[in-house]
Amino acid sequence: MPQPLEEIDFVSDSFADIVAKDSRYDARAYALLMDVIHYLCRDGGRIRAGEILEEFKERALEQYGPMTYTVLSEWGLSRTEDIGEMMFNLVEGRRIGKDEEDTPEGFACGYDFTEVFKAPYEA
């Protein structure tokens, strides 16, 4: 039985239950995404897919620099749709909520991972 939301320790969450159901994405990718969500929710209110994608991009580049493309690839991410899939896995895993306006399609074609995370560092 899933834990009630108030009992989940988001800082030390291993995301083991989510990874067990969908092993395409590494638990560290979920941790990065939850960090993004917590940051964007600091002022309350609804956050949109575009905001999540932009903040995810900024945080990933800040943390991993020239290695971002490699790190995200190793974690199973190759397109913005993967971030959307992870978001809905977090919903199913009772880490976050959603409303009827939230759809996986909102994360489609946000940006090209190769252009954003790899090309700027190629010689």
PDB file of N, CA and C in Angstrom:
ATOM      1  N   MET A   1       0.849  -1.185   0.000  1.00  0.00           N
ATOM      2  CA  MET A   1       0.000   0.000   0.000  1.00  0.00           C
ATOM      3  C   MET A   1       0.892   1.244   0.000  1.00  0.00           C
ATOM      4  N   PRO A   2       0.632   2.221  -0.871  1.00  0.00           N
ATOM      5  CA  PRO A   2       1.466   3.412  -0.921  1.00  0.00           C
ATOM      6  C   PRO A   2       1.374   4.213   0.370  1.00  0.00           C
ATOM      7  N   GLN A   3       2.488   4.886   0.683  1.00  0.00           N
ATOM      8  CA  GLN A   3       2.499   5.745   1.859  1.00  0.00           C
ATOM      9  C   GLN A   3       1.623   6.962   1.610  1.00  0.00           C
ATOM     10  N   PRO A   4       0.963   7.474   2.652  1.00  0.00           N
ATOM     11  CA  PRO A   4       0.283   8.759   2.492  1.00  0.00           C
ATOM     12  C   PRO A   4       1.330   9.826   2.151  1.00  0.00           C
ATOM     13  N   LEU A   5       0.964  10.818   1.375  1.00  0.00           N
ATOM     14  CA  LEU A   5       1.905  11.833   0.929  1.00  0.00           C
ATOM     15  C   LEU A   5       2.644  12.483   2.081  1.00  0.00           C
ATOM     16  N   GLU A   6       1.972  12.728   3.185  1.00  0.00           N
ATOM     17  CA  GLU A   6       2.621  13.424   4.290  1.00  0.00           C
ATOM     18  C   GLU A   6       3.704  12.593   4.971  1.00  0.00           C
ATOM     19  N   GLU A   7       3.766  11.286   4.711  1.00  0.00           N
ATOM     20  CA  GLU A   7       4.763  10.432   5.332  1.00  0.00           C
ATOM     21  C   GLU A   7       5.986  10.194   4.450  1.00  0.00           C
ATOM     22  N   ILE A   8       5.990  10.674   3.246  1.00  0.00           N
ATOM     23  CA  ILE A   8       7.122  10.472   2.350  1.00  0.00           C
ATOM     24  C   ILE A   8       8.193  11.507   2.647  1.00  0.00           C
ATOM     25  N   ASP A   9       9.417  11.051   2.835  1.00  0.00           N
ATOM     26  CA  ASP A   9      10.554  11.948   3.037  1.00  0.00           C
ATOM     27  C   ASP A   9      11.154  12.218   1.664  1.00  0.00           C
ATOM     28  N   PHE A  10      10.800  13.345   1.080  1.00  0.00           N
ATOM     29  CA  PHE A  10      11.204  13.645  -0.285  1.00  0.00           C
ATOM     30  C   PHE A  10      12.707  13.830  -0.435  1.00  0.00           C
ATOM     31  N   VAL A  11      13.386  14.231   0.619  1.00  0.00           N
ATOM     32  CA  VAL A  11      14.831  14.464   0.550  1.00  0.00           C
ATOM     33  C   VAL A  11      15.586  13.145   0.411  1.00  0.00           C
ATOM     34  N   SER A  12      15.150  12.118   1.131  1.00  0.00           N
ATOM     35  CA  SER A  12      15.872  10.841   1.085  1.00  0.00           C
ATOM     36  C   SER A  12      15.109   9.758   0.323  1.00  0.00           C
ATOM     37  N   ASP A  13      14.118  10.127  -0.435  1.00  0.00           N
ATOM     38  CA  ASP A  13      13.313   9.181  -1.207  1.00  0.00           C
ATOM     39  C   ASP A  13      14.205   8.431  -2.194  1.00  0.00           C
ATOM     40  N   SER A  14      14.097   7.108  -2.219  1.00  0.00           N
ATOM     41  CA  SER A  14      14.889   6.300  -3.151  1.00  0.00           C
ATOM     42  C   SER A  14      14.143   6.045  -4.463  1.00  0.00           C
ATOM     43  N   PHE A  15      12.851   6.319  -4.492  1.00  0.00           N
ATOM     44  CA  PHE A  15      12.002   6.097  -5.661  1.00  0.00           C
ATOM     45  C   PHE A  15      12.001   4.631  -6.093  1.00  0.00           C
ATOM     46  N   ALA A  16      12.334   3.731  -5.165  1.00  0.00           N
ATOM     47  CA  ALA A  16      12.434   2.305  -5.489  1.00  0.00           C
ATOM     48  C   ALA A  16      11.125   1.740  -6.020  1.00  0.00           C
ATOM     49  N   ASP A  17      10.001   2.165  -5.449  1.00  0.00           N
ATOM     50  CA  ASP A  17       8.718   1.648  -5.911  1.00  0.00           C
ATOM     51  C   ASP A  17       8.427   2.078  -7.343  1.00  0.00           C
ATOM     52  N   ILE A  18       8.798   3.300  -7.687  1.00  0.00           N
ATOM     53  CA  ILE A  18       8.565   3.808  -9.040  1.00  0.00           C
ATOM     54  C   ILE A  18       9.481   3.120 -10.038  1.00  0.00           C
ATOM     55  N   VAL A  19      10.756   2.989  -9.683  1.00  0.00           N
ATOM     56  CA  VAL A  19      11.731   2.336 -10.569  1.00  0.00           C
ATOM     57  C   VAL A  19      11.375   0.860 -10.754  1.00  0.00           C
ATOM     58  N   ALA A  20      10.821   0.229  -9.720  1.00  0.00           N
ATOM     59  CA  ALA A  20      10.419  -1.180  -9.835  1.00  0.00           C
ATOM     60  C   ALA A  20       9.291  -1.353 -10.858  1.00  0.00           C
ATOM     61  N   LYS A  21       8.409  -0.346 -10.963  1.00  0.00           N
ATOM     62  CA  LYS A  21       7.299  -0.419 -11.922  1.00  0.00           C
ATOM     63  C   LYS A  21       7.719   0.026 -13.320  1.00  0.00           C
ATOM     64  N   ASP A  22       8.686   0.941 -13.394  1.00  0.00           N
ATOM     65  CA  ASP A  22       9.141   1.467 -14.687  1.00  0.00           C
ATOM     66  C   ASP A  22      10.638   1.711 -14.591  1.00  0.00           C
ATOM     67  N   SER A  23      11.403   0.749 -15.037  1.00  0.00           N
ATOM     68  CA  SER A  23      12.864   0.804 -14.887  1.00  0.00           C
ATOM     69  C   SER A  23      13.567   1.581 -16.008  1.00  0.00           C
ATOM     70  N   ARG A  24      12.813   2.271 -16.847  1.00  0.00           N
ATOM     71  CA  ARG A  24      13.451   3.047 -17.917  1.00  0.00           C
ATOM     72  C   ARG A  24      14.303   4.188 -17.374  1.00  0.00           C
ATOM     73  N   TYR A  25      13.934   4.727 -16.206  1.00  0.00           N
ATOM     74  CA  TYR A  25      14.603   5.921 -15.685  1.00  0.00           C
ATOM     75  C   TYR A  25      15.247   5.629 -14.335  1.00  0.00           C
ATOM     76  N   ASP A  26      16.427   6.138 -14.162  1.00  0.00           N
ATOM     77  CA  ASP A  26      17.202   5.973 -12.939  1.00  0.00           C
ATOM     78  C   ASP A  26      16.581   6.787 -11.799  1.00  0.00           C
ATOM     79  N   ALA A  27      16.720   6.294 -10.583  1.00  0.00           N
ATOM     80  CA  ALA A  27      16.201   7.005  -9.412  1.00  0.00           C
ATOM     81  C   ALA A  27      16.807   8.402  -9.288  1.00  0.00           C
ATOM     82  N   ARG A  28      18.042   8.582  -9.731  1.00  0.00           N
ATOM     83  CA  ARG A  28      18.677   9.907  -9.649  1.00  0.00           C
ATOM     84  C   ARG A  28      17.988  10.909 -10.562  1.00  0.00           C
ATOM     85  N   ALA A  29      17.414  10.442 -11.661  1.00  0.00           N
ATOM     86  CA  ALA A  29      16.651  11.332 -12.536  1.00  0.00           C
ATOM     87  C   ALA A  29      15.386  11.807 -11.819  1.00  0.00           C
ATOM     88  N   TYR A  30      14.745  10.909 -11.080  1.00  0.00           N
ATOM     89  CA  TYR A  30      13.569  11.297 -10.304  1.00  0.00           C
ATOM     90  C   TYR A  30      13.949  12.292  -9.205  1.00  0.00           C
ATOM     91  N   ALA A  31      15.096  12.090  -8.578  1.00  0.00           N
ATOM     92  CA  ALA A  31      15.543  13.014  -7.537  1.00  0.00           C
ATOM     93  C   ALA A  31      15.765  14.411  -8.112  1.00  0.00           C
ATOM     94  N   LEU A  32      16.382  14.491  -9.287  1.00  0.00           N
ATOM     95  CA  LEU A  32      16.589  15.786  -9.936  1.00  0.00           C
ATOM     96  C   LEU A  32      15.241  16.420 -10.276  1.00  0.00           C
ATOM     97  N   LEU A  33      14.333  15.655 -10.810  1.00  0.00           N
ATOM     98  CA  LEU A  33      13.019  16.175 -11.175  1.00  0.00           C
ATOM     99  C   LEU A  33      12.249  16.641  -9.939  1.00  0.00           C
ATOM    100  N   MET A  34      12.320  15.903  -8.852  1.00  0.00           N
ATOM    101  CA  MET A  34      11.645  16.338  -7.622  1.00  0.00           C
ATOM    102  C   MET A  34      12.264  17.620  -7.084  1.00  0.00           C
ATOM    103  N   ASP A  35      13.566  17.775  -7.225  1.00  0.00           N
ATOM    104  CA  ASP A  35      14.226  19.017  -6.829  1.00  0.00           C
ATOM    105  C   ASP A  35      13.661  20.185  -7.636  1.00  0.00           C
ATOM    106  N   VAL A  36      13.498  19.977  -8.918  1.00  0.00           N
ATOM    107  CA  VAL A  36      12.907  20.990  -9.802  1.00  0.00           C
ATOM    108  C   VAL A  36      11.483  21.326  -9.347  1.00  0.00           C
ATOM    109  N   ILE A  37      10.689  20.313  -9.080  1.00  0.00           N
ATOM    110  CA  ILE A  37       9.306  20.518  -8.680  1.00  0.00           C
ATOM    111  C   ILE A  37       9.233  21.287  -7.361  1.00  0.00           C
ATOM    112  N   HIS A  38      10.046  20.883  -6.398  1.00  0.00           N
ATOM    113  CA  HIS A  38      10.048  21.590  -5.113  1.00  0.00           C
ATOM    114  C   HIS A  38      10.433  23.052  -5.287  1.00  0.00           C
ATOM    115  N   TYR A  39      11.404  23.311  -6.120  1.00  0.00           N
ATOM    116  CA  TYR A  39      11.821  24.691  -6.366  1.00  0.00           C
ATOM    117  C   TYR A  39      10.683  25.500  -7.006  1.00  0.00           C
ATOM    118  N   LEU A  40      10.066  24.946  -8.010  1.00  0.00           N
ATOM    119  CA  LEU A  40       9.004  25.664  -8.709  1.00  0.00           C
ATOM    120  C   LEU A  40       7.747  25.843  -7.852  1.00  0.00           C
ATOM    121  N   CYS A  41       7.536  24.977  -6.897  1.00  0.00           N
ATOM    122  CA  CYS A  41       6.347  25.053  -6.043  1.00  0.00           C
ATOM    123  C   CYS A  41       6.564  25.924  -4.806  1.00  0.00           C
ATOM    124  N   ARG A  42       7.723  26.513  -4.669  1.00  0.00           N
ATOM    125  CA  ARG A  42       8.048  27.272  -3.459  1.00  0.00           C
ATOM    126  C   ARG A  42       7.058  28.402  -3.187  1.00  0.00           C
ATOM    127  N   ASP A  43       6.492  28.987  -4.221  1.00  0.00           N
ATOM    128  CA  ASP A  43       5.540  30.083  -4.048  1.00  0.00           C
ATOM    129  C   ASP A  43       4.095  29.616  -4.151  1.00  0.00           C
ATOM    130  N   GLY A  44       3.904  28.320  -4.266  1.00  0.00           N
ATOM    131  CA  GLY A  44       2.556  27.775  -4.402  1.00  0.00           C
ATOM    132  C   GLY A  44       2.049  27.935  -5.827  1.00  0.00           C
ATOM    133  N   GLY A  45       0.881  27.480  -6.045  1.00  0.00           N
ATOM    134  CA  GLY A  45       0.290  27.611  -7.372  1.00  0.00           C
ATOM    135  C   GLY A  45       0.646  26.467  -8.292  1.00  0.00           C
ATOM    136  N   ARG A  46       0.030  26.482  -9.432  1.00  0.00           N
ATOM    137  CA  ARG A  46       0.196  25.435 -10.438  1.00  0.00           C
ATOM    138  C   ARG A  46       1.429  25.711 -11.278  1.00  0.00           C
ATOM    139  N   ILE A  47       2.149  24.658 -11.602  1.00  0.00           N
ATOM    140  CA  ILE A  47       3.292  24.799 -12.505  1.00  0.00           C
ATOM    141  C   ILE A  47       2.977  24.090 -13.809  1.00  0.00           C
ATOM    142  N   ARG A  48       3.464  24.634 -14.868  1.00  0.00           N
ATOM    143  CA  ARG A  48       3.187  24.123 -16.217  1.00  0.00           C
ATOM    144  C   ARG A  48       4.365  23.303 -16.720  1.00  0.00           C
ATOM    145  N   ALA A  49       4.090  22.475 -17.720  1.00  0.00           N
ATOM    146  CA  ALA A  49       5.111  21.604 -18.307  1.00  0.00           C
ATOM    147  C   ALA A  49       6.311  22.408 -18.798  1.00  0.00           C
ATOM    148  N   GLY A  50       6.074  23.520 -19.474  1.00  0.00           N
ATOM    149  CA  GLY A  50       7.167  24.333 -19.991  1.00  0.00           C
ATOM    150  C   GLY A  50       8.083  24.843 -18.896  1.00  0.00           C
ATOM    151  N   GLU A  51       7.510  25.218 -17.757  1.00  0.00           N
ATOM    152  CA  GLU A  51       8.312  25.679 -16.620  1.00  0.00           C
ATOM    153  C   GLU A  51       9.168  24.544 -16.077  1.00  0.00           C
ATOM    154  N   ILE A  52       8.580  23.376 -15.988  1.00  0.00           N
ATOM    155  CA  ILE A  52       9.320  22.207 -15.492  1.00  0.00           C
ATOM    156  C   ILE A  52      10.472  21.887 -16.436  1.00  0.00           C
ATOM    157  N   LEU A  53      10.207  21.877 -17.733  1.00  0.00           N
ATOM    158  CA  LEU A  53      11.249  21.560 -18.707  1.00  0.00           C
ATOM    159  C   LEU A  53      12.386  22.572 -18.647  1.00  0.00           C
ATOM    160  N   GLU A  54      12.081  23.850 -18.559  1.00  0.00           N
ATOM    161  CA  GLU A  54      13.128  24.878 -18.515  1.00  0.00           C
ATOM    162  C   GLU A  54      13.963  24.778 -17.243  1.00  0.00           C
ATOM    163  N   GLU A  55      13.307  24.599 -16.110  1.00  0.00           N
ATOM    164  CA  GLU A  55      14.044  24.493 -14.850  1.00  0.00           C
ATOM    165  C   GLU A  55      14.861  23.206 -14.815  1.00  0.00           C
ATOM    166  N   PHE A  56      14.321  22.131 -15.360  1.00  0.00           N
ATOM    167  CA  PHE A  56      15.065  20.873 -15.440  1.00  0.00           C
ATOM    168  C   PHE A  56      16.337  21.080 -16.256  1.00  0.00           C
ATOM    169  N   LYS A  57      16.209  21.753 -17.391  1.00  0.00           N
ATOM    170  CA  LYS A  57      17.361  22.028 -18.252  1.00  0.00           C
ATOM    171  C   LYS A  57      18.404  22.846 -17.501  1.00  0.00           C
ATOM    172  N   GLU A  58      17.976  23.908 -16.847  1.00  0.00           N
ATOM    173  CA  GLU A  58      18.906  24.780 -16.123  1.00  0.00           C
ATOM    174  C   GLU A  58      19.624  24.036 -15.005  1.00  0.00           C
ATOM    175  N   ARG A  59      18.890  23.286 -14.224  1.00  0.00           N
ATOM    176  CA  ARG A  59      19.494  22.550 -13.101  1.00  0.00           C
ATOM    177  C   ARG A  59      20.436  21.456 -13.584  1.00  0.00           C
ATOM    178  N   ALA A  60      20.038  20.749 -14.618  1.00  0.00           N
ATOM    179  CA  ALA A  60      20.902  19.687 -15.147  1.00  0.00           C
ATOM    180  C   ALA A  60      22.216  20.278 -15.653  1.00  0.00           C
ATOM    181  N   LEU A  61      22.122  21.350 -16.417  1.00  0.00           N
ATOM    182  CA  LEU A  61      23.341  21.987 -16.942  1.00  0.00           C
ATOM    183  C   LEU A  61      24.200  22.554 -15.818  1.00  0.00           C
ATOM    184  N   GLU A  62      23.563  23.126 -14.827  1.00  0.00           N
ATOM    185  CA  GLU A  62      24.298  23.685 -13.685  1.00  0.00           C
ATOM    186  C   GLU A  62      25.045  22.592 -12.925  1.00  0.00           C
ATOM    187  N   GLN A  63      24.400  21.458 -12.738  1.00  0.00           N
ATOM    188  CA  GLN A  63      25.002  20.383 -11.952  1.00  0.00           C
ATOM    189  C   GLN A  63      26.009  19.546 -12.737  1.00  0.00           C
ATOM    190  N   TYR A  64      25.770  19.337 -14.028  1.00  0.00           N
ATOM    191  CA  TYR A  64      26.592  18.386 -14.766  1.00  0.00           C
ATOM    192  C   TYR A  64      27.370  18.989 -15.923  1.00  0.00           C
ATOM    193  N   GLY A  65      27.121  20.242 -16.269  1.00  0.00           N
ATOM    194  CA  GLY A  65      27.884  20.940 -17.307  1.00  0.00           C
ATOM    195  C   GLY A  65      28.036  20.119 -18.571  1.00  0.00           C
ATOM    196  N   PRO A  66      29.288  19.987 -19.055  1.00  0.00           N
ATOM    197  CA  PRO A  66      29.536  19.265 -20.309  1.00  0.00           C
ATOM    198  C   PRO A  66      29.148  17.781 -20.259  1.00  0.00           C
ATOM    199  N   MET A  67      28.955  17.236 -19.059  1.00  0.00           N
ATOM    200  CA  MET A  67      28.598  15.827 -18.919  1.00  0.00           C
ATOM    201  C   MET A  67      27.082  15.600 -18.887  1.00  0.00           C
ATOM    202  N   THR A  68      26.300  16.673 -18.990  1.00  0.00           N
ATOM    203  CA  THR A  68      24.847  16.564 -18.847  1.00  0.00           C
ATOM    204  C   THR A  68      24.239  15.557 -19.809  1.00  0.00           C
ATOM    205  N   TYR A  69      24.584  15.639 -21.076  1.00  0.00           N
ATOM    206  CA  TYR A  69      24.008  14.727 -22.064  1.00  0.00           C
ATOM    207  C   TYR A  69      24.315  13.274 -21.699  1.00  0.00           C
ATOM    208  N   THR A  70      25.543  13.005 -21.314  1.00  0.00           N
ATOM    209  CA  THR A  70      25.964  11.650 -20.947  1.00  0.00           C
ATOM    210  C   THR A  70      25.227  11.170 -19.700  1.00  0.00           C
ATOM    211  N   VAL A  71      25.169  12.024 -18.685  1.00  0.00           N
ATOM    212  CA  VAL A  71      24.494  11.657 -17.442  1.00  0.00           C
ATOM    213  C   VAL A  71      23.018  11.357 -17.698  1.00  0.00           C
ATOM    214  N   LEU A  72      22.338  12.264 -18.381  1.00  0.00           N
ATOM    215  CA  LEU A  72      20.915  12.044 -18.639  1.00  0.00           C
ATOM    216  C   LEU A  72      20.684  10.806 -19.487  1.00  0.00           C
ATOM    217  N   SER A  73      21.559  10.562 -20.459  1.00  0.00           N
ATOM    218  CA  SER A  73      21.443   9.349 -21.281  1.00  0.00           C
ATOM    219  C   SER A  73      21.586   8.095 -20.427  1.00  0.00           C
ATOM    220  N   GLU A  74      22.560   8.106 -19.523  1.00  0.00           N
ATOM    221  CA  GLU A  74      22.758   6.957 -18.630  1.00  0.00           C
ATOM    222  C   GLU A  74      21.557   6.745 -17.720  1.00  0.00           C
ATOM    223  N   TRP A  75      20.853   7.804 -17.414  1.00  0.00           N
ATOM    224  CA  TRP A  75      19.669   7.725 -16.559  1.00  0.00           C
ATOM    225  C   TRP A  75      18.416   7.380 -17.352  1.00  0.00           C
ATOM    226  N   GLY A  76      18.528   7.235 -18.666  1.00  0.00           N
ATOM    227  CA  GLY A  76      17.396   6.831 -19.492  1.00  0.00           C
ATOM    228  C   GLY A  76      16.646   7.968 -20.157  1.00  0.00           C
ATOM    229  N   LEU A  77      17.160   9.180 -20.076  1.00  0.00           N
ATOM    230  CA  LEU A  77      16.475  10.336 -20.667  1.00  0.00           C
ATOM    231  C   LEU A  77      17.141  10.733 -21.973  1.00  0.00           C
ATOM    232  N   SER A  78      16.321  10.899 -23.009  1.00  0.00           N
ATOM    233  CA  SER A  78      16.853  11.326 -24.303  1.00  0.00           C
ATOM    234  C   SER A  78      15.972  12.373 -24.987  1.00  0.00           C
ATOM    235  N   ARG A  79      14.840  12.702 -24.361  1.00  0.00           N
ATOM    236  CA  ARG A  79      13.913  13.671 -24.950  1.00  0.00           C
ATOM    237  C   ARG A  79      13.021  14.217 -23.843  1.00  0.00           C
ATOM    238  N   THR A  80      12.383  15.335 -24.111  1.00  0.00           N
ATOM    239  CA  THR A  80      11.541  15.951 -23.083  1.00  0.00           C
ATOM    240  C   THR A  80      10.331  15.080 -22.733  1.00  0.00           C
ATOM    241  N   GLU A  81       9.918  14.258 -23.655  1.00  0.00           N
ATOM    242  CA  GLU A  81       8.812  13.346 -23.378  1.00  0.00           C
ATOM    243  C   GLU A  81       9.148  12.416 -22.214  1.00  0.00           C
ATOM    244  N   ASP A  82      10.446  12.091 -22.059  1.00  0.00           N
ATOM    245  CA  ASP A  82      10.861  11.255 -20.930  1.00  0.00           C
ATOM    246  C   ASP A  82      10.585  11.956 -19.602  1.00  0.00           C
ATOM    247  N   ILE A  83      10.782  13.263 -19.562  1.00  0.00           N
ATOM    248  CA  ILE A  83      10.493  14.020 -18.349  1.00  0.00           C
ATOM    249  C   ILE A  83       8.993  13.952 -18.055  1.00  0.00           C
ATOM    250  N   GLY A  84       8.180  14.051 -19.087  1.00  0.00           N
ATOM    251  CA  GLY A  84       6.741  13.909 -18.919  1.00  0.00           C
ATOM    252  C   GLY A  84       6.357  12.533 -18.402  1.00  0.00           C
ATOM    253  N   GLU A  85       6.977  11.498 -18.933  1.00  0.00           N
ATOM    254  CA  GLU A  85       6.718  10.141 -18.455  1.00  0.00           C
ATOM    255  C   GLU A  85       7.083  10.016 -16.981  1.00  0.00           C
ATOM    256  N   MET A  86       8.211  10.596 -16.614  1.00  0.00           N
ATOM    257  CA  MET A  86       8.630  10.562 -15.211  1.00  0.00           C
ATOM    258  C   MET A  86       7.634  11.310 -14.326  1.00  0.00           C
ATOM    259  N   MET A  87       7.122  12.440 -14.815  1.00  0.00           N
ATOM    260  CA  MET A  87       6.133  13.195 -14.052  1.00  0.00           C
ATOM    261  C   MET A  87       4.917  12.331 -13.753  1.00  0.00           C
ATOM    262  N   PHE A  88       4.438  11.626 -14.751  1.00  0.00           N
ATOM    263  CA  PHE A  88       3.253  10.800 -14.540  1.00  0.00           C
ATOM    264  C   PHE A  88       3.565   9.565 -13.713  1.00  0.00           C
ATOM    265  N   ASN A  89       4.796   9.081 -13.743  1.00  0.00           N
ATOM    266  CA  ASN A  89       5.207   8.021 -12.820  1.00  0.00           C
ATOM    267  C   ASN A  89       5.203   8.547 -11.380  1.00  0.00           C
ATOM    268  N   LEU A  90       5.608   9.806 -11.200  1.00  0.00           N
ATOM    269  CA  LEU A  90       5.580  10.417  -9.863  1.00  0.00           C
ATOM    270  C   LEU A  90       4.142  10.588  -9.382  1.00  0.00           C
ATOM    271  N   VAL A  91       3.238  10.914 -10.284  1.00  0.00           N
ATOM    272  CA  VAL A  91       1.818  11.010  -9.924  1.00  0.00           C
ATOM    273  C   VAL A  91       1.315   9.639  -9.489  1.00  0.00           C
ATOM    274  N   GLU A  92       1.591   8.636 -10.306  1.00  0.00           N
ATOM    275  CA  GLU A  92       1.144   7.275  -9.980  1.00  0.00           C
ATOM    276  C   GLU A  92       1.773   6.786  -8.678  1.00  0.00           C
ATOM    277  N   GLY A  93       3.004   7.201  -8.415  1.00  0.00           N
ATOM    278  CA  GLY A  93       3.700   6.821  -7.190  1.00  0.00           C
ATOM    279  C   GLY A  93       3.341   7.692  -5.997  1.00  0.00           C
ATOM    280  N   ARG A  94       2.348   8.569  -6.179  1.00  0.00           N
ATOM    281  CA  ARG A  94       1.821   9.427  -5.119  1.00  0.00           C
ATOM    282  C   ARG A  94       2.843  10.410  -4.547  1.00  0.00           C
ATOM    283  N   ARG A  95       3.771  10.855  -5.389  1.00  0.00           N
ATOM    284  CA  ARG A  95       4.730  11.871  -4.943  1.00  0.00           C
ATOM    285  C   ARG A  95       4.226  13.281  -5.239  1.00  0.00           C
ATOM    286  N   ILE A  96       3.455  13.398  -6.304  1.00  0.00           N
ATOM    287  CA  ILE A  96       2.912  14.691  -6.713  1.00  0.00           C
ATOM    288  C   ILE A  96       1.471  14.494  -7.171  1.00  0.00           C
ATOM    289  N   GLY A  97       0.751  15.581  -7.274  1.00  0.00           N
ATOM    290  CA  GLY A  97      -0.614  15.532  -7.771  1.00  0.00           C
ATOM    291  C   GLY A  97      -0.690  16.079  -9.182  1.00  0.00           C
ATOM    292  N   LYS A  98      -1.847  15.969  -9.773  1.00  0.00           N
ATOM    293  CA  LYS A  98      -2.084  16.519 -11.108  1.00  0.00           C
ATOM    294  C   LYS A  98      -3.543  16.898 -11.212  1.00  0.00           C
ATOM    295  N   ASP A  99      -3.833  17.706 -12.226  1.00  0.00           N
ATOM    296  CA  ASP A  99      -5.232  18.003 -12.506  1.00  0.00           C
ATOM    297  C   ASP A  99      -5.533  17.616 -13.944  1.00  0.00           C
ATOM    298  N   GLU A 100      -6.768  17.829 -14.359  1.00  0.00           N
ATOM    299  CA  GLU A 100      -7.198  17.365 -15.682  1.00  0.00           C
ATOM    300  C   GLU A 100      -6.463  18.047 -16.834  1.00  0.00           C
ATOM    301  N   GLU A 101      -5.840  19.201 -16.583  1.00  0.00           N
ATOM    302  CA  GLU A 101      -5.099  19.897 -17.640  1.00  0.00           C
ATOM    303  C   GLU A 101      -3.717  19.282 -17.883  1.00  0.00           C
ATOM    304  N   ASP A 102      -3.225  18.496 -16.937  1.00  0.00           N
ATOM    305  CA  ASP A 102      -1.902  17.888 -17.065  1.00  0.00           C
ATOM    306  C   ASP A 102      -1.967  16.658 -17.963  1.00  0.00           C
ATOM    307  N   THR A 103      -1.147  16.677 -19.022  1.00  0.00           N
ATOM    308  CA  THR A 103      -1.091  15.551 -19.955  1.00  0.00           C
ATOM    309  C   THR A 103       0.354  15.290 -20.346  1.00  0.00           C
ATOM    310  N   PRO A 104       0.674  14.062 -20.719  1.00  0.00           N
ATOM    311  CA  PRO A 104       2.024  13.772 -21.197  1.00  0.00           C
ATOM    312  C   PRO A 104       2.387  14.603 -22.433  1.00  0.00           C
ATOM    313  N   GLU A 105       1.391  14.932 -23.241  1.00  0.00           N
ATOM    314  CA  GLU A 105       1.654  15.701 -24.463  1.00  0.00           C
ATOM    315  C   GLU A 105       2.206  17.095 -24.164  1.00  0.00           C
ATOM    316  N   GLY A 106       1.960  17.604 -22.971  1.00  0.00           N
ATOM    317  CA  GLY A 106       2.489  18.905 -22.582  1.00  0.00           C
ATOM    318  C   GLY A 106       4.003  18.944 -22.549  1.00  0.00           C
ATOM    319  N   PHE A 107       4.622  17.772 -22.496  1.00  0.00           N
ATOM    320  CA  PHE A 107       6.081  17.679 -22.431  1.00  0.00           C
ATOM    321  C   PHE A 107       6.704  17.339 -23.788  1.00  0.00           C
ATOM    322  N   ALA A 108       5.879  17.166 -24.800  1.00  0.00           N
ATOM    323  CA  ALA A 108       6.367  16.782 -26.126  1.00  0.00           C
ATOM    324  C   ALA A 108       7.084  17.946 -26.801  1.00  0.00           C
ATOM    325  N   CYS A 109       8.185  17.641 -27.402  1.00  0.00           N
ATOM    326  CA  CYS A 109       8.923  18.594 -28.237  1.00  0.00           C
ATOM    327  C   CYS A 109       9.309  19.880 -27.511  1.00  0.00           C
ATOM    328  N   GLY A 110       9.646  19.786 -26.240  1.00  0.00           N
ATOM    329  CA  GLY A 110      10.064  20.971 -25.501  1.00  0.00           C
ATOM    330  C   GLY A 110      11.385  21.529 -26.007  1.00  0.00           C
ATOM    331  N   TYR A 111      12.362  20.672 -26.169  1.00  0.00           N
ATOM    332  CA  TYR A 111      13.657  21.019 -26.742  1.00  0.00           C
ATOM    333  C   TYR A 111      14.363  19.728 -27.116  1.00  0.00           C
ATOM    334  N   ASP A 112      15.355  19.861 -27.953  1.00  0.00           N
ATOM    335  CA  ASP A 112      16.127  18.719 -28.421  1.00  0.00           C
ATOM    336  C   ASP A 112      17.307  18.491 -27.473  1.00  0.00           C
ATOM    337  N   PHE A 113      17.396  17.319 -26.884  1.00  0.00           N
ATOM    338  CA  PHE A 113      18.454  17.030 -25.924  1.00  0.00           C
ATOM    339  C   PHE A 113      19.843  17.196 -26.542  1.00  0.00           C
ATOM    340  N   THR A 114      20.023  16.753 -27.775  1.00  0.00           N
ATOM    341  CA  THR A 114      21.338  16.871 -28.413  1.00  0.00           C
ATOM    342  C   THR A 114      21.722  18.328 -28.580  1.00  0.00           C
ATOM    343  N   GLU A 115      20.804  19.155 -29.043  1.00  0.00           N
ATOM    344  CA  GLU A 115      21.087  20.577 -29.243  1.00  0.00           C
ATOM    345  C   GLU A 115      21.376  21.307 -27.937  1.00  0.00           C
ATOM    346  N   VAL A 116      20.636  20.978 -26.892  1.00  0.00           N
ATOM    347  CA  VAL A 116      20.743  21.698 -25.629  1.00  0.00           C
ATOM    348  C   VAL A 116      21.879  21.175 -24.756  1.00  0.00           C
ATOM    349  N   PHE A 117      22.039  19.864 -24.673  1.00  0.00           N
ATOM    350  CA  PHE A 117      22.960  19.282 -23.705  1.00  0.00           C
ATOM    351  C   PHE A 117      24.286  18.793 -24.289  1.00  0.00           C
ATOM    352  N   LYS A 118      24.343  18.582 -25.606  1.00  0.00           N
ATOM    353  CA  LYS A 118      25.555  18.021 -26.199  1.00  0.00           C
ATOM    354  C   LYS A 118      26.254  19.008 -27.155  1.00  0.00           C
ATOM    355  N   ALA A 119      25.519  19.563 -28.104  1.00  0.00           N
ATOM    356  CA  ALA A 119      26.102  20.399 -29.140  1.00  0.00           C
ATOM    357  C   ALA A 119      26.933  21.583 -28.615  1.00  0.00           C
ATOM    358  N   PRO A 120      26.507  22.276 -27.551  1.00  0.00           N
ATOM    359  CA  PRO A 120      27.299  23.416 -27.086  1.00  0.00           C
ATOM    360  C   PRO A 120      28.717  23.051 -26.624  1.00  0.00           C
ATOM    361  N   TYR A 121      28.933  21.773 -26.320  1.00  0.00           N
ATOM    362  CA  TYR A 121      30.230  21.350 -25.805  1.00  0.00           C
ATOM    363  C   TYR A 121      31.096  20.628 -26.825  1.00  0.00           C
ATOM    364  N   GLU A 122      30.567  20.439 -28.039  1.00  0.00           N
ATOM    365  CA  GLU A 122      31.349  19.768 -29.073  1.00  0.00           C
ATOM    366  C   GLU A 122      32.290  20.765 -29.733  1.00  0.00           C
ATOM    367  N   ALA A 123      33.448  20.282 -30.057  1.00  0.00           N
ATOM    368  CA  ALA A 123      34.471  21.162 -30.676  1.00  0.00           C
ATOM    369  C   ALA A 123      34.219  21.399 -32.138  1.00  0.00           C
TER     370      ALA A 123
END
